[in-house]
Amino acid sequence: MKKCLYCHTPIEGKAYAHKIGYFCKETHFDAYYRSLPKEKLALFNA
């Protein structure tokens, strides 16, 4: 089962998918992305 990387709740139905992982909503993706250090952001954007 997919879990949101930000709030860790199980995702049932449609998820917001990104190459980083799955999120229950787009705002959780934004919050998770902003919390990452610059070194990790460079890995995801490569």
N, C-alpha and C. Protein backbone atom coordinates (compact mmCIF):
# COMPACT_ATOMS: atom_id res chain seq x y z
N MET A 1 0.84 -1.18 0.00
CA MET A 1 0.00 0.00 0.00
C MET A 1 0.89 1.25 0.00
N LYS A 2 0.46 2.25 -0.75
CA LYS A 2 1.21 3.50 -0.83
C LYS A 2 0.95 4.33 0.42
N LYS A 3 2.02 5.03 0.87
CA LYS A 3 1.89 5.93 2.01
C LYS A 3 2.44 7.29 1.61
N CYS A 4 1.83 8.32 2.14
CA CYS A 4 2.28 9.69 1.90
C CYS A 4 3.64 9.88 2.58
N LEU A 5 4.59 10.41 1.83
CA LEU A 5 5.92 10.64 2.41
C LEU A 5 5.92 11.75 3.45
N TYR A 6 4.93 12.61 3.42
CA TYR A 6 4.90 13.73 4.35
C TYR A 6 4.18 13.36 5.66
N CYS A 7 2.96 12.84 5.55
CA CYS A 7 2.19 12.56 6.77
C CYS A 7 2.11 11.07 7.11
N HIS A 8 2.64 10.22 6.23
CA HIS A 8 2.73 8.77 6.44
C HIS A 8 1.38 8.07 6.56
N THR A 9 0.32 8.68 6.07
CA THR A 9 -0.98 8.01 6.08
C THR A 9 -1.13 7.16 4.83
N PRO A 10 -1.81 6.04 4.93
CA PRO A 10 -2.05 5.20 3.74
C PRO A 10 -2.89 5.96 2.72
N ILE A 11 -2.54 5.78 1.47
CA ILE A 11 -3.25 6.46 0.38
C ILE A 11 -4.16 5.45 -0.30
N GLU A 12 -5.44 5.74 -0.28
CA GLU A 12 -6.41 4.91 -0.97
C GLU A 12 -6.94 5.72 -2.14
N GLY A 13 -6.99 5.12 -3.29
CA GLY A 13 -7.47 5.83 -4.47
C GLY A 13 -6.34 6.58 -5.15
N LYS A 14 -6.65 7.75 -5.65
CA LYS A 14 -5.70 8.52 -6.44
C LYS A 14 -4.69 9.25 -5.55
N ALA A 15 -3.43 9.11 -5.88
CA ALA A 15 -2.36 9.77 -5.13
C ALA A 15 -1.67 10.80 -6.03
N TYR A 16 -1.03 11.78 -5.40
CA TYR A 16 -0.22 12.73 -6.13
C TYR A 16 1.15 12.08 -6.28
N ALA A 17 1.48 11.63 -7.49
CA ALA A 17 2.72 10.91 -7.73
C ALA A 17 3.79 11.84 -8.27
N HIS A 18 5.01 11.65 -7.78
CA HIS A 18 6.18 12.39 -8.23
C HIS A 18 7.34 11.42 -8.22
N LYS A 19 8.43 11.76 -8.90
CA LYS A 19 9.55 10.82 -8.91
C LYS A 19 10.16 10.63 -7.53
N ILE A 20 9.89 11.55 -6.60
CA ILE A 20 10.35 11.41 -5.22
C ILE A 20 9.56 10.31 -4.52
N GLY A 21 8.24 10.28 -4.77
CA GLY A 21 7.37 9.31 -4.12
C GLY A 21 5.92 9.70 -4.26
N TYR A 22 5.09 9.18 -3.36
CA TYR A 22 3.66 9.44 -3.40
C TYR A 22 3.24 10.33 -2.24
N PHE A 23 2.24 11.17 -2.52
CA PHE A 23 1.73 12.10 -1.53
C PHE A 23 0.20 12.08 -1.61
N CYS A 24 -0.47 12.32 -0.46
CA CYS A 24 -1.93 12.29 -0.46
C CYS A 24 -2.53 13.55 -1.08
N LYS A 25 -1.79 14.64 -1.10
CA LYS A 25 -2.24 15.86 -1.76
C LYS A 25 -1.04 16.70 -2.16
N GLU A 26 -1.26 17.61 -3.08
CA GLU A 26 -0.18 18.41 -3.62
C GLU A 26 0.46 19.31 -2.56
N THR A 27 -0.31 19.78 -1.61
CA THR A 27 0.26 20.64 -0.55
C THR A 27 1.26 19.87 0.31
N HIS A 28 1.03 18.57 0.50
CA HIS A 28 2.00 17.76 1.25
C HIS A 28 3.28 17.58 0.45
N PHE A 29 3.18 17.47 -0.87
CA PHE A 29 4.38 17.41 -1.70
C PHE A 29 5.17 18.71 -1.56
N ASP A 30 4.49 19.85 -1.65
CA ASP A 30 5.16 21.14 -1.53
C ASP A 30 5.87 21.28 -0.19
N ALA A 31 5.21 20.90 0.89
CA ALA A 31 5.80 21.00 2.22
C ALA A 31 7.01 20.07 2.35
N TYR A 32 6.89 18.86 1.84
CA TYR A 32 8.00 17.90 1.90
C TYR A 32 9.19 18.41 1.08
N TYR A 33 8.91 18.90 -0.12
CA TYR A 33 9.95 19.39 -1.01
C TYR A 33 10.70 20.56 -0.39
N ARG A 34 9.97 21.48 0.24
CA ARG A 34 10.61 22.64 0.88
C ARG A 34 11.44 22.25 2.10
N SER A 35 11.14 21.11 2.71
CA SER A 35 11.86 20.68 3.91
C SER A 35 13.17 19.95 3.59
N LEU A 36 13.39 19.59 2.34
CA LEU A 36 14.59 18.85 1.97
C LEU A 36 15.82 19.75 1.94
N PRO A 37 16.98 19.24 2.37
CA PRO A 37 18.21 20.02 2.27
C PRO A 37 18.64 20.15 0.80
N LYS A 38 19.45 21.14 0.51
CA LYS A 38 19.88 21.40 -0.87
C LYS A 38 20.59 20.22 -1.51
N GLU A 39 21.31 19.42 -0.72
CA GLU A 39 22.02 18.27 -1.27
C GLU A 39 21.04 17.22 -1.83
N LYS A 40 19.95 16.99 -1.11
CA LYS A 40 18.96 16.03 -1.60
C LYS A 40 18.20 16.59 -2.80
N LEU A 41 17.92 17.88 -2.79
CA LEU A 41 17.23 18.48 -3.92
C LEU A 41 18.04 18.33 -5.19
N ALA A 42 19.34 18.45 -5.09
CA ALA A 42 20.21 18.29 -6.25
C ALA A 42 20.13 16.87 -6.81
N LEU A 43 19.98 15.87 -5.96
CA LEU A 43 19.85 14.49 -6.41
C LEU A 43 18.53 14.27 -7.15
N PHE A 44 17.46 14.86 -6.65
CA PHE A 44 16.15 14.68 -7.28
C PHE A 44 16.03 15.44 -8.60
N ASN A 45 16.73 16.55 -8.71
CA ASN A 45 16.64 17.37 -9.91
C ASN A 45 17.63 16.97 -10.99
N ALA A 46 18.49 16.00 -10.69
CA ALA A 46 19.49 15.58 -11.66
C ALA A 46 18.91 14.74 -12.76
